[in-house]
Amino acid sequence: MTSQLTTHVLDASTGFPASGVAVVLSKMGDEPRILQVASGETDLDGRLSLGPEFLDAGTHVLSFATGAYYAGLGVETFYPSVTVTFRVTDDTHLHVPLLLSPFSYSTYRGS
């Protein structure tokens, strides 16, 4: 099965992909409901395909367990988790990369 959503986590502090990062994909429903859609861990290349072939329109959330990732490396981090909220409006492929370090992160809509 293919997935409409992919992510790629890169650790800027090491210069390598962040493997083994737990990621949860959720959909925001009627307030304050958040429904988990899928979960997984990034592979050795820091990549992960998540969820069904097509996501329902609406607001979705990707939660990255960055604290656990850095704890596994023995590194202190300011961000125990990173949450990226985004809107799905159609059935095009979505790529949400995360550039990570112990004290900062950035993301964008990739292709």
N, C-alpha and C. Protein backbone atom coordinates (compact mmCIF):
# COMPACT_ATOMS: atom_id res chain seq x y z
N MET A 1 0.84 -1.18 0.00
CA MET A 1 0.00 0.00 0.00
C MET A 1 0.89 1.25 0.00
N THR A 2 0.52 2.22 -0.80
CA THR A 2 1.26 3.47 -0.80
C THR A 2 0.62 4.44 0.18
N SER A 3 1.38 5.42 0.56
CA SER A 3 0.89 6.41 1.51
C SER A 3 0.94 7.79 0.88
N GLN A 4 -0.03 8.58 1.20
CA GLN A 4 -0.08 9.95 0.72
C GLN A 4 0.93 10.83 1.45
N LEU A 5 1.35 10.43 2.65
CA LEU A 5 2.21 11.26 3.49
C LEU A 5 3.55 10.59 3.74
N THR A 6 4.63 11.35 3.53
CA THR A 6 5.96 10.88 3.88
C THR A 6 6.65 11.96 4.69
N THR A 7 7.66 11.53 5.45
CA THR A 7 8.48 12.46 6.21
C THR A 7 9.92 12.00 6.14
N HIS A 8 10.83 12.92 6.40
CA HIS A 8 12.26 12.63 6.41
C HIS A 8 12.86 13.47 7.53
N VAL A 9 13.47 12.83 8.51
CA VAL A 9 14.04 13.54 9.65
C VAL A 9 15.56 13.52 9.53
N LEU A 10 16.14 14.72 9.51
CA LEU A 10 17.58 14.87 9.45
C LEU A 10 18.07 15.53 10.73
N ASP A 11 19.13 14.99 11.30
CA ASP A 11 19.72 15.54 12.52
C ASP A 11 20.87 16.46 12.13
N ALA A 12 20.64 17.75 12.18
CA ALA A 12 21.64 18.74 11.77
C ALA A 12 22.86 18.72 12.71
N SER A 13 22.68 18.25 13.93
CA SER A 13 23.80 18.24 14.88
C SER A 13 24.80 17.13 14.57
N THR A 14 24.36 16.10 13.88
CA THR A 14 25.26 15.01 13.51
C THR A 14 25.57 14.99 12.02
N GLY A 15 24.69 15.63 11.24
CA GLY A 15 24.85 15.60 9.79
C GLY A 15 24.35 14.32 9.16
N PHE A 16 23.56 13.54 9.90
CA PHE A 16 23.06 12.26 9.41
C PHE A 16 21.54 12.18 9.57
N PRO A 17 20.92 11.25 8.85
CA PRO A 17 19.49 11.02 9.06
C PRO A 17 19.23 10.57 10.50
N ALA A 18 18.06 10.92 11.01
CA ALA A 18 17.66 10.52 12.37
C ALA A 18 16.84 9.25 12.26
N SER A 19 17.46 8.11 12.53
CA SER A 19 16.74 6.84 12.46
C SER A 19 16.15 6.49 13.82
N GLY A 20 15.03 5.78 13.79
CA GLY A 20 14.40 5.33 15.02
C GLY A 20 13.56 6.38 15.72
N VAL A 21 13.22 7.47 15.03
CA VAL A 21 12.36 8.49 15.64
C VAL A 21 10.91 8.03 15.53
N ALA A 22 10.23 7.90 16.66
CA ALA A 22 8.82 7.53 16.66
C ALA A 22 8.00 8.72 16.18
N VAL A 23 7.04 8.43 15.28
CA VAL A 23 6.19 9.46 14.70
C VAL A 23 4.74 9.00 14.76
N VAL A 24 3.85 9.90 15.16
CA VAL A 24 2.42 9.60 15.21
C VAL A 24 1.70 10.59 14.31
N LEU A 25 0.83 10.08 13.45
CA LEU A 25 -0.03 10.90 12.59
C LEU A 25 -1.43 10.86 13.16
N SER A 26 -2.00 12.05 13.40
CA SER A 26 -3.36 12.15 13.95
C SER A 26 -4.17 13.12 13.11
N LYS A 27 -5.49 13.01 13.23
CA LYS A 27 -6.40 13.93 12.57
C LYS A 27 -7.21 14.63 13.66
N MET A 28 -7.29 15.95 13.53
CA MET A 28 -8.08 16.71 14.50
C MET A 28 -9.55 16.61 14.10
N GLY A 29 -10.37 16.19 15.06
CA GLY A 29 -11.80 16.08 14.84
C GLY A 29 -12.51 17.22 15.55
N ASP A 30 -13.72 16.93 15.98
CA ASP A 30 -14.45 17.93 16.76
C ASP A 30 -13.68 18.20 18.03
N GLU A 31 -13.49 19.47 18.35
CA GLU A 31 -12.70 19.86 19.52
C GLU A 31 -13.20 19.19 20.78
N PRO A 32 -12.36 18.71 21.62
CA PRO A 32 -10.90 18.64 21.51
C PRO A 32 -10.42 17.28 21.04
N ARG A 33 -11.20 16.58 20.24
CA ARG A 33 -10.84 15.23 19.80
C ARG A 33 -9.70 15.21 18.80
N ILE A 34 -8.75 14.34 19.06
CA ILE A 34 -7.67 14.07 18.12
C ILE A 34 -7.64 12.55 17.94
N LEU A 35 -7.77 12.12 16.69
CA LEU A 35 -7.84 10.69 16.39
C LEU A 35 -6.54 10.23 15.75
N GLN A 36 -5.90 9.22 16.37
CA GLN A 36 -4.67 8.69 15.80
C GLN A 36 -4.98 7.95 14.51
N VAL A 37 -4.24 8.25 13.46
CA VAL A 37 -4.43 7.63 12.15
C VAL A 37 -3.38 6.54 11.92
N ALA A 38 -2.12 6.82 12.28
CA ALA A 38 -1.03 5.87 12.04
C ALA A 38 0.16 6.23 12.91
N SER A 39 1.08 5.30 13.03
CA SER A 39 2.33 5.56 13.75
C SER A 39 3.43 4.68 13.17
N GLY A 40 4.66 5.06 13.43
CA GLY A 40 5.79 4.29 12.95
C GLY A 40 7.09 4.92 13.41
N GLU A 41 8.20 4.39 12.91
CA GLU A 41 9.53 4.91 13.23
C GLU A 41 10.31 5.15 11.96
N THR A 42 11.12 6.19 11.96
CA THR A 42 11.94 6.46 10.79
C THR A 42 12.94 5.33 10.58
N ASP A 43 13.23 5.05 9.30
CA ASP A 43 14.17 3.98 8.96
C ASP A 43 15.62 4.47 9.07
N LEU A 44 16.56 3.67 8.61
CA LEU A 44 17.98 4.03 8.72
C LEU A 44 18.32 5.31 7.96
N ASP A 45 17.51 5.64 6.96
CA ASP A 45 17.72 6.86 6.19
C ASP A 45 16.88 8.02 6.72
N GLY A 46 16.23 7.83 7.89
CA GLY A 46 15.43 8.88 8.50
C GLY A 46 14.08 9.09 7.83
N ARG A 47 13.65 8.14 7.01
CA ARG A 47 12.41 8.29 6.24
C ARG A 47 11.29 7.41 6.78
N LEU A 48 10.06 7.87 6.52
CA LEU A 48 8.89 7.12 6.95
C LEU A 48 7.70 7.49 6.08
N SER A 49 6.96 6.48 5.63
CA SER A 49 5.68 6.65 4.95
C SER A 49 4.62 6.33 5.97
N LEU A 50 3.63 7.21 6.10
CA LEU A 50 2.63 7.05 7.17
C LEU A 50 1.22 7.15 6.63
N GLY A 51 0.35 6.35 7.20
CA GLY A 51 -1.08 6.53 6.96
C GLY A 51 -1.59 5.78 5.75
N PRO A 52 -2.84 6.01 5.47
CA PRO A 52 -3.50 5.34 4.36
C PRO A 52 -3.10 5.94 3.02
N GLU A 53 -3.60 5.36 1.96
CA GLU A 53 -3.30 5.86 0.62
C GLU A 53 -3.78 7.30 0.45
N PHE A 54 -4.94 7.63 1.03
CA PHE A 54 -5.47 8.99 0.97
C PHE A 54 -5.90 9.44 2.36
N LEU A 55 -5.53 10.64 2.72
CA LEU A 55 -5.94 11.22 4.00
C LEU A 55 -7.22 12.02 3.79
N ASP A 56 -8.09 11.99 4.79
CA ASP A 56 -9.30 12.81 4.75
C ASP A 56 -8.90 14.28 4.77
N ALA A 57 -9.70 15.10 4.11
CA ALA A 57 -9.48 16.55 4.17
C ALA A 57 -9.61 17.00 5.62
N GLY A 58 -8.88 18.03 5.98
CA GLY A 58 -8.95 18.58 7.33
C GLY A 58 -7.58 18.80 7.91
N THR A 59 -7.54 19.08 9.19
CA THR A 59 -6.30 19.38 9.89
C THR A 59 -5.71 18.11 10.49
N HIS A 60 -4.44 17.89 10.22
CA HIS A 60 -3.71 16.73 10.70
C HIS A 60 -2.51 17.17 11.53
N VAL A 61 -1.99 16.25 12.32
CA VAL A 61 -0.87 16.53 13.21
C VAL A 61 0.16 15.41 13.10
N LEU A 62 1.42 15.79 12.92
CA LEU A 62 2.53 14.85 13.02
C LEU A 62 3.25 15.15 14.32
N SER A 63 3.43 14.14 15.16
CA SER A 63 4.15 14.30 16.43
C SER A 63 5.41 13.44 16.38
N PHE A 64 6.55 14.08 16.57
CA PHE A 64 7.85 13.42 16.53
C PHE A 64 8.41 13.31 17.95
N ALA A 65 8.80 12.11 18.35
CA ALA A 65 9.33 11.87 19.70
C ALA A 65 10.82 12.20 19.73
N THR A 66 11.13 13.48 19.68
CA THR A 66 12.52 13.93 19.62
C THR A 66 13.27 13.73 20.93
N GLY A 67 12.57 13.82 22.04
CA GLY A 67 13.21 13.61 23.34
C GLY A 67 13.74 12.20 23.48
N ALA A 68 12.95 11.23 23.10
CA ALA A 68 13.38 9.83 23.18
C ALA A 68 14.53 9.56 22.21
N TYR A 69 14.48 10.16 21.04
CA TYR A 69 15.56 10.01 20.06
C TYR A 69 16.88 10.52 20.65
N TYR A 70 16.87 11.74 21.19
CA TYR A 70 18.11 12.29 21.75
C TYR A 70 18.53 11.58 23.03
N ALA A 71 17.58 11.12 23.83
CA ALA A 71 17.94 10.35 25.03
C ALA A 71 18.71 9.09 24.63
N GLY A 72 18.28 8.46 23.53
CA GLY A 72 18.98 7.28 23.04
C GLY A 72 20.40 7.57 22.59
N LEU A 73 20.67 8.83 22.24
CA LEU A 73 22.02 9.23 21.86
C LEU A 73 22.81 9.78 23.05
N GLY A 74 22.14 9.89 24.21
CA GLY A 74 22.79 10.46 25.39
C GLY A 74 22.98 11.96 25.28
N VAL A 75 22.07 12.63 24.55
CA VAL A 75 22.16 14.07 24.32
C VAL A 75 20.96 14.76 24.93
N GLU A 76 21.20 15.84 25.66
CA GLU A 76 20.11 16.63 26.22
C GLU A 76 19.46 17.45 25.11
N THR A 77 18.13 17.57 25.17
CA THR A 77 17.42 18.38 24.18
C THR A 77 16.40 19.29 24.86
N PHE A 78 16.18 20.43 24.28
CA PHE A 78 15.19 21.38 24.78
C PHE A 78 13.78 20.96 24.40
N TYR A 79 13.65 20.24 23.29
CA TYR A 79 12.33 19.85 22.76
C TYR A 79 12.08 18.36 22.97
N PRO A 80 11.25 17.98 23.94
CA PRO A 80 10.95 16.57 24.15
C PRO A 80 10.09 15.99 23.03
N SER A 81 9.40 16.86 22.31
CA SER A 81 8.64 16.43 21.13
C SER A 81 8.49 17.61 20.20
N VAL A 82 8.27 17.31 18.94
CA VAL A 82 7.98 18.33 17.93
C VAL A 82 6.65 17.97 17.30
N THR A 83 5.76 18.94 17.25
CA THR A 83 4.44 18.73 16.67
C THR A 83 4.27 19.66 15.48
N VAL A 84 3.91 19.08 14.35
CA VAL A 84 3.68 19.86 13.13
C VAL A 84 2.22 19.68 12.75
N THR A 85 1.49 20.78 12.70
CA THR A 85 0.08 20.76 12.33
C THR A 85 -0.05 21.28 10.91
N PHE A 86 -0.80 20.56 10.08
CA PHE A 86 -0.94 20.95 8.68
C PHE A 86 -2.34 20.61 8.18
N ARG A 87 -2.70 21.20 7.07
CA ARG A 87 -4.04 21.02 6.51
C ARG A 87 -3.98 20.22 5.21
N VAL A 88 -4.85 19.22 5.09
CA VAL A 88 -5.01 18.44 3.87
C VAL A 88 -6.23 18.99 3.14
N THR A 89 -6.03 19.37 1.88
CA THR A 89 -7.13 19.92 1.10
C THR A 89 -7.46 19.09 -0.14
N ASP A 90 -6.53 18.22 -0.55
CA ASP A 90 -6.77 17.39 -1.73
C ASP A 90 -5.98 16.09 -1.59
N ASP A 91 -5.92 15.30 -2.64
CA ASP A 91 -5.27 13.99 -2.52
C ASP A 91 -3.87 13.95 -3.14
N THR A 92 -3.19 15.11 -3.18
CA THR A 92 -1.82 15.11 -3.67
C THR A 92 -0.87 14.55 -2.61
N HIS A 93 0.28 14.09 -3.08
CA HIS A 93 1.28 13.57 -2.15
C HIS A 93 1.78 14.70 -1.24
N LEU A 94 1.93 14.39 0.04
CA LEU A 94 2.43 15.36 1.02
C LEU A 94 3.74 14.84 1.60
N HIS A 95 4.73 15.72 1.63
CA HIS A 95 6.02 15.38 2.24
C HIS A 95 6.33 16.46 3.27
N VAL A 96 6.50 16.03 4.53
CA VAL A 96 6.74 16.96 5.63
C VAL A 96 8.07 16.61 6.28
N PRO A 97 9.17 17.22 5.80
CA PRO A 97 10.47 16.94 6.38
C PRO A 97 10.70 17.71 7.68
N LEU A 98 11.60 17.18 8.50
CA LEU A 98 11.95 17.83 9.76
C LEU A 98 13.47 17.89 9.86
N LEU A 99 14.01 19.09 9.98
CA LEU A 99 15.43 19.30 10.22
C LEU A 99 15.57 19.57 11.72
N LEU A 100 16.35 18.75 12.39
CA LEU A 100 16.33 18.69 13.84
C LEU A 100 17.71 18.91 14.43
N SER A 101 17.76 19.57 15.59
CA SER A 101 18.96 19.61 16.42
C SER A 101 18.46 19.66 17.86
N PRO A 102 19.33 19.49 18.84
CA PRO A 102 18.85 19.46 20.22
C PRO A 102 18.15 20.74 20.69
N PHE A 103 18.45 21.87 20.03
CA PHE A 103 17.88 23.13 20.50
C PHE A 103 17.17 23.92 19.41
N SER A 104 16.85 23.27 18.30
CA SER A 104 16.08 23.95 17.25
C SER A 104 15.52 22.90 16.29
N TYR A 105 14.54 23.33 15.50
CA TYR A 105 14.01 22.50 14.43
C TYR A 105 13.35 23.40 13.39
N SER A 106 13.23 22.86 12.17
CA SER A 106 12.48 23.56 11.13
C SER A 106 11.80 22.52 10.25
N THR A 107 10.77 22.97 9.57
CA THR A 107 10.01 22.10 8.69
C THR A 107 9.46 22.93 7.54
N TYR A 108 9.01 22.26 6.51
CA TYR A 108 8.41 22.92 5.37
C TYR A 108 7.59 21.90 4.60
N ARG A 109 6.78 22.37 3.66
CA ARG A 109 6.05 21.44 2.80
C ARG A 109 6.97 21.05 1.66
N GLY A 110 7.37 19.81 1.65
CA GLY A 110 8.27 19.31 0.62
C GLY A 110 7.50 18.74 -0.55
N SER A 111 8.23 18.11 -1.44
CA SER A 111 7.59 17.51 -2.61
C SER A 111 7.99 16.07 -2.75
